[in-house]
Amino acid sequence: MKPLGLTILGFPCNQFGKQEPGQNHEILPALKHVRPGNGFVPNFLLFEKGDVNGKDEQEVYTFLKNSCPPVGDSFGDPKDRLFWQPMKLNDIKWNFEKFLVGPDGKPTMRWHPSVNISEIRADIRRYLLKLYTQDILN
């Protein structure tokens, strides 16, 4: 999808089940050798670890969450799973929640972490096709 102008960005976070406890310099080696392992190297830009929810959330996440409606009205049982305060309905529900930001910098879609990647891929293809069609017609 990169030829169509799609860039994927990853933001490690330790607020979901404490699944990213390492320091920034440990994240890439852990991906490569531990989880998922087998020499995995991400083919997307990976940012430094930070908070996506709560009082210390990164500004990019404040912007994203304020631009798209929440993807659910429940966190399930947050005890020993979710590590931030205060909790808000619009917060990221779990790791791997996704956002699509248009070329104009405006967030256009948001997906719950449980949405199947094939559905997300289809949504992104429809969005890119719509952009491409608009460019041709203009």
C-alpha atoms as a PDB file:
ATOM      1  CA  MET A   1       0.000   0.000   0.000  1.00  0.00           C
ATOM      2  CA  LYS A   2       3.015   2.288   0.306  1.00  0.00           C
ATOM      3  CA  PRO A   3       2.911   3.123  -3.439  1.00  0.00           C
ATOM      4  CA  LEU A   4      -0.561   4.538  -2.767  1.00  0.00           C
ATOM      5  CA  GLY A   5       0.788   6.809  -0.042  1.00  0.00           C
ATOM      6  CA  LEU A   6      -0.144   4.731   2.993  1.00  0.00           C
ATOM      7  CA  THR A   7       2.340   4.840   5.862  1.00  0.00           C
ATOM      8  CA  ILE A   8       1.911   2.726   8.984  1.00  0.00           C
ATOM      9  CA  LEU A   9       3.086   4.060  12.344  1.00  0.00           C
ATOM     10  CA  GLY A  10       3.464   2.031  15.549  1.00  0.00           C
ATOM     11  CA  PHE A  11       3.352   3.474  19.059  1.00  0.00           C
ATOM     12  CA  PRO A  12       4.474   1.047  21.803  1.00  0.00           C
ATOM     13  CA  CYS A  13       2.639   1.430  25.109  1.00  0.00           C
ATOM     14  CA  ASN A  14       2.760  -0.353  28.462  1.00  0.00           C
ATOM     15  CA  GLN A  15      -0.752   0.587  29.640  1.00  0.00           C
ATOM     16  CA  PHE A  16      -2.435  -2.653  28.491  1.00  0.00           C
ATOM     17  CA  GLY A  17      -1.613  -5.609  30.691  1.00  0.00           C
ATOM     18  CA  LYS A  18       1.944  -4.253  31.124  1.00  0.00           C
ATOM     19  CA  GLN A  19       2.810  -5.995  27.822  1.00  0.00           C
ATOM     20  CA  GLU A  20       5.604  -3.557  26.857  1.00  0.00           C
ATOM     21  CA  PRO A  21       7.781  -3.277  29.993  1.00  0.00           C
ATOM     22  CA  GLY A  22      11.100  -2.780  28.192  1.00  0.00           C
ATOM     23  CA  GLN A  23      13.020   0.398  27.599  1.00  0.00           C
ATOM     24  CA  ASN A  24      12.892   1.969  24.114  1.00  0.00           C
ATOM     25  CA  HIS A  25      16.240   0.424  23.092  1.00  0.00           C
ATOM     26  CA  GLU A  26      14.912  -3.044  24.039  1.00  0.00           C
ATOM     27  CA  ILE A  27      11.696  -2.988  21.981  1.00  0.00           C
ATOM     28  CA  LEU A  28      13.090  -3.855  18.518  1.00  0.00           C
ATOM     29  CA  PRO A  29      15.346  -6.673  19.786  1.00  0.00           C
ATOM     30  CA  ALA A  30      12.407  -8.105  21.769  1.00  0.00           C
ATOM     31  CA  LEU A  31      10.242  -8.097  18.634  1.00  0.00           C
ATOM     32  CA  LYS A  32      12.993  -9.769  16.636  1.00  0.00           C
ATOM     33  CA  HIS A  33      13.973 -12.463  19.132  1.00  0.00           C
ATOM     34  CA  VAL A  34      11.096 -12.951  21.600  1.00  0.00           C
ATOM     35  CA  ARG A  35       7.628 -11.808  20.604  1.00  0.00           C
ATOM     36  CA  PRO A  36       6.799 -12.490  17.848  1.00  0.00           C
ATOM     37  CA  GLY A  37      10.414 -13.618  17.335  1.00  0.00           C
ATOM     38  CA  ASN A  38      11.752 -15.638  14.393  1.00  0.00           C
ATOM     39  CA  GLY A  39      13.714 -12.626  13.148  1.00  0.00           C
ATOM     40  CA  PHE A  40      10.651 -10.342  12.900  1.00  0.00           C
ATOM     41  CA  VAL A  41      11.505  -6.778  11.945  1.00  0.00           C
ATOM     42  CA  PRO A  42       8.602  -4.338  11.585  1.00  0.00           C
ATOM     43  CA  ASN A  43       8.132  -2.833   8.128  1.00  0.00           C
ATOM     44  CA  PHE A  44       6.656   0.321   9.632  1.00  0.00           C
ATOM     45  CA  LEU A  45       7.946   3.278  11.612  1.00  0.00           C
ATOM     46  CA  LEU A  46       8.053   2.502  15.328  1.00  0.00           C
ATOM     47  CA  PHE A  47       7.970   5.464  17.706  1.00  0.00           C
ATOM     48  CA  GLU A  48       9.233   5.626  21.281  1.00  0.00           C
ATOM     49  CA  LYS A  49       7.087   4.070  23.978  1.00  0.00           C
ATOM     50  CA  GLY A  50       4.579   6.360  25.634  1.00  0.00           C
ATOM     51  CA  ASP A  51       1.128   6.625  27.156  1.00  0.00           C
ATOM     52  CA  VAL A  52      -1.941   6.663  24.904  1.00  0.00           C
ATOM     53  CA  ASN A  53      -4.446   7.273  27.722  1.00  0.00           C
ATOM     54  CA  GLY A  54      -4.613   9.146  31.006  1.00  0.00           C
ATOM     55  CA  LYS A  55      -2.978  12.230  32.402  1.00  0.00           C
ATOM     56  CA  ASP A  56       0.363  11.633  30.605  1.00  0.00           C
ATOM     57  CA  GLU A  57      -1.015  10.599  27.190  1.00  0.00           C
ATOM     58  CA  GLN A  58       0.881  11.678  24.095  1.00  0.00           C
ATOM     59  CA  GLU A  59      -0.654  14.696  22.346  1.00  0.00           C
ATOM     60  CA  VAL A  60      -1.085  12.741  19.113  1.00  0.00           C
ATOM     61  CA  TYR A  61      -3.473  10.408  20.944  1.00  0.00           C
ATOM     62  CA  THR A  62      -5.421  13.273  22.476  1.00  0.00           C
ATOM     63  CA  PHE A  63      -5.881  14.575  18.925  1.00  0.00           C
ATOM     64  CA  LEU A  64      -6.801  11.181  17.440  1.00  0.00           C
ATOM     65  CA  LYS A  65      -9.288  10.319  20.188  1.00  0.00           C
ATOM     66  CA  ASN A  66     -10.935  13.744  20.006  1.00  0.00           C
ATOM     67  CA  SER A  67     -11.292  13.392  16.215  1.00  0.00           C
ATOM     68  CA  CYS A  68     -13.010   9.993  16.070  1.00  0.00           C
ATOM     69  CA  PRO A  69     -15.881   8.573  18.105  1.00  0.00           C
ATOM     70  CA  PRO A  70     -15.143   5.838  20.670  1.00  0.00           C
ATOM     71  CA  VAL A  71     -15.060   2.249  19.407  1.00  0.00           C
ATOM     72  CA  GLY A  72     -17.016   0.845  22.303  1.00  0.00           C
ATOM     73  CA  ASP A  73     -18.643   1.800  25.551  1.00  0.00           C
ATOM     74  CA  SER A  74     -16.917  -0.715  27.820  1.00  0.00           C
ATOM     75  CA  PHE A  75     -13.423  -1.620  28.952  1.00  0.00           C
ATOM     76  CA  GLY A  76     -14.487  -4.998  30.266  1.00  0.00           C
ATOM     77  CA  ASP A  77     -12.900  -5.697  33.638  1.00  0.00           C
ATOM     78  CA  PRO A  78     -10.001  -3.215  33.869  1.00  0.00           C
ATOM     79  CA  LYS A  79      -8.591  -4.706  37.099  1.00  0.00           C
ATOM     80  CA  ASP A  80      -4.937  -5.682  36.599  1.00  0.00           C
ATOM     81  CA  ARG A  81      -5.312  -5.108  32.807  1.00  0.00           C
ATOM     82  CA  LEU A  82      -5.512  -1.345  32.270  1.00  0.00           C
ATOM     83  CA  PHE A  83      -3.007   1.013  33.822  1.00  0.00           C
ATOM     84  CA  TRP A  84      -3.982   4.684  33.621  1.00  0.00           C
ATOM     85  CA  GLN A  85      -6.173   7.246  35.294  1.00  0.00           C
ATOM     86  CA  PRO A  86      -8.589   8.838  34.775  1.00  0.00           C
ATOM     87  CA  MET A  87     -10.430   6.471  32.406  1.00  0.00           C
ATOM     88  CA  LYS A  88     -12.631   8.083  29.762  1.00  0.00           C
ATOM     89  CA  LEU A  89     -15.116   6.546  27.326  1.00  0.00           C
ATOM     90  CA  ASN A  90     -13.075   7.800  24.345  1.00  0.00           C
ATOM     91  CA  ASP A  91      -9.847   6.143  25.564  1.00  0.00           C
ATOM     92  CA  ILE A  92      -7.999   3.488  23.591  1.00  0.00           C
ATOM     93  CA  LYS A  93      -9.621   0.223  24.708  1.00  0.00           C
ATOM     94  CA  TRP A  94      -6.647  -2.124  24.215  1.00  0.00           C
ATOM     95  CA  ASN A  95      -3.419  -2.310  22.262  1.00  0.00           C
ATOM     96  CA  PHE A  96      -3.748  -2.617  18.484  1.00  0.00           C
ATOM     97  CA  GLU A  97      -6.614  -0.141  18.247  1.00  0.00           C
ATOM     98  CA  LYS A  98      -6.111   1.554  14.877  1.00  0.00           C
ATOM     99  CA  PHE A  99      -6.729   4.970  13.304  1.00  0.00           C
ATOM    100  CA  LEU A 100      -6.663   6.056   9.668  1.00  0.00           C
ATOM    101  CA  VAL A 101      -5.473   9.608   9.063  1.00  0.00           C
ATOM    102  CA  GLY A 102      -6.029  11.185   5.658  1.00  0.00           C
ATOM    103  CA  PRO A 103      -3.392  13.029   3.630  1.00  0.00           C
ATOM    104  CA  ASP A 104      -4.853  16.278   5.001  1.00  0.00           C
ATOM    105  CA  GLY A 105      -3.906  15.206   8.530  1.00  0.00           C
ATOM    106  CA  LYS A 106      -7.497  14.583   9.629  1.00  0.00           C
ATOM    107  CA  PRO A 107      -8.392  11.259  11.259  1.00  0.00           C
ATOM    108  CA  THR A 108     -11.108   9.551   9.218  1.00  0.00           C
ATOM    109  CA  MET A 109     -11.595   6.080  10.754  1.00  0.00           C
ATOM    110  CA  ARG A 110     -10.983   4.248  14.006  1.00  0.00           C
ATOM    111  CA  TRP A 111     -11.152   0.500  14.623  1.00  0.00           C
ATOM    112  CA  HIS A 112     -11.603  -1.490  17.823  1.00  0.00           C
ATOM    113  CA  PRO A 113      -8.648  -3.829  18.452  1.00  0.00           C
ATOM    114  CA  SER A 114     -10.863  -6.884  17.891  1.00  0.00           C
ATOM    115  CA  VAL A 115     -11.814  -5.904  14.318  1.00  0.00           C
ATOM    116  CA  ASN A 116     -10.419  -8.420  11.841  1.00  0.00           C
ATOM    117  CA  ILE A 117      -7.494  -7.091   9.823  1.00  0.00           C
ATOM    118  CA  SER A 118      -9.207  -8.113   6.565  1.00  0.00           C
ATOM    119  CA  GLU A 119     -12.069  -5.710   7.374  1.00  0.00           C
ATOM    120  CA  ILE A 120      -9.590  -2.920   8.122  1.00  0.00           C
ATOM    121  CA  ARG A 121      -7.699  -3.640   4.895  1.00  0.00           C
ATOM    122  CA  ALA A 122     -10.963  -3.441   2.917  1.00  0.00           C
ATOM    123  CA  ASP A 123     -11.901  -0.134   4.591  1.00  0.00           C
ATOM    124  CA  ILE A 124      -8.480   1.336   3.801  1.00  0.00           C
ATOM    125  CA  ARG A 125      -8.638   0.146   0.180  1.00  0.00           C
ATOM    126  CA  ARG A 126     -12.093   1.736  -0.226  1.00  0.00           C
ATOM    127  CA  TYR A 127     -10.789   4.958   1.295  1.00  0.00           C
ATOM    128  CA  LEU A 128      -7.696   5.042  -0.953  1.00  0.00           C
ATOM    129  CA  LEU A 129      -9.795   4.235  -4.026  1.00  0.00           C
ATOM    130  CA  LYS A 130     -12.143   7.089  -3.139  1.00  0.00           C
ATOM    131  CA  LEU A 131      -9.170   9.479  -2.824  1.00  0.00           C
ATOM    132  CA  TYR A 132      -7.691   8.237  -6.096  1.00  0.00           C
ATOM    133  CA  THR A 133     -11.029   8.615  -7.901  1.00  0.00           C
ATOM    134  CA  GLN A 134     -11.474  12.145  -6.548  1.00  0.00           C
ATOM    135  CA  ASP A 135      -7.981  13.091  -7.753  1.00  0.00           C
ATOM    136  CA  ILE A 136      -8.740  11.810 -11.263  1.00  0.00           C
ATOM    137  CA  LEU A 137     -12.055  13.665 -11.429  1.00  0.00           C
ATOM    138  CA  ASN A 138     -10.563  16.976 -10.224  1.00  0.00           C
END
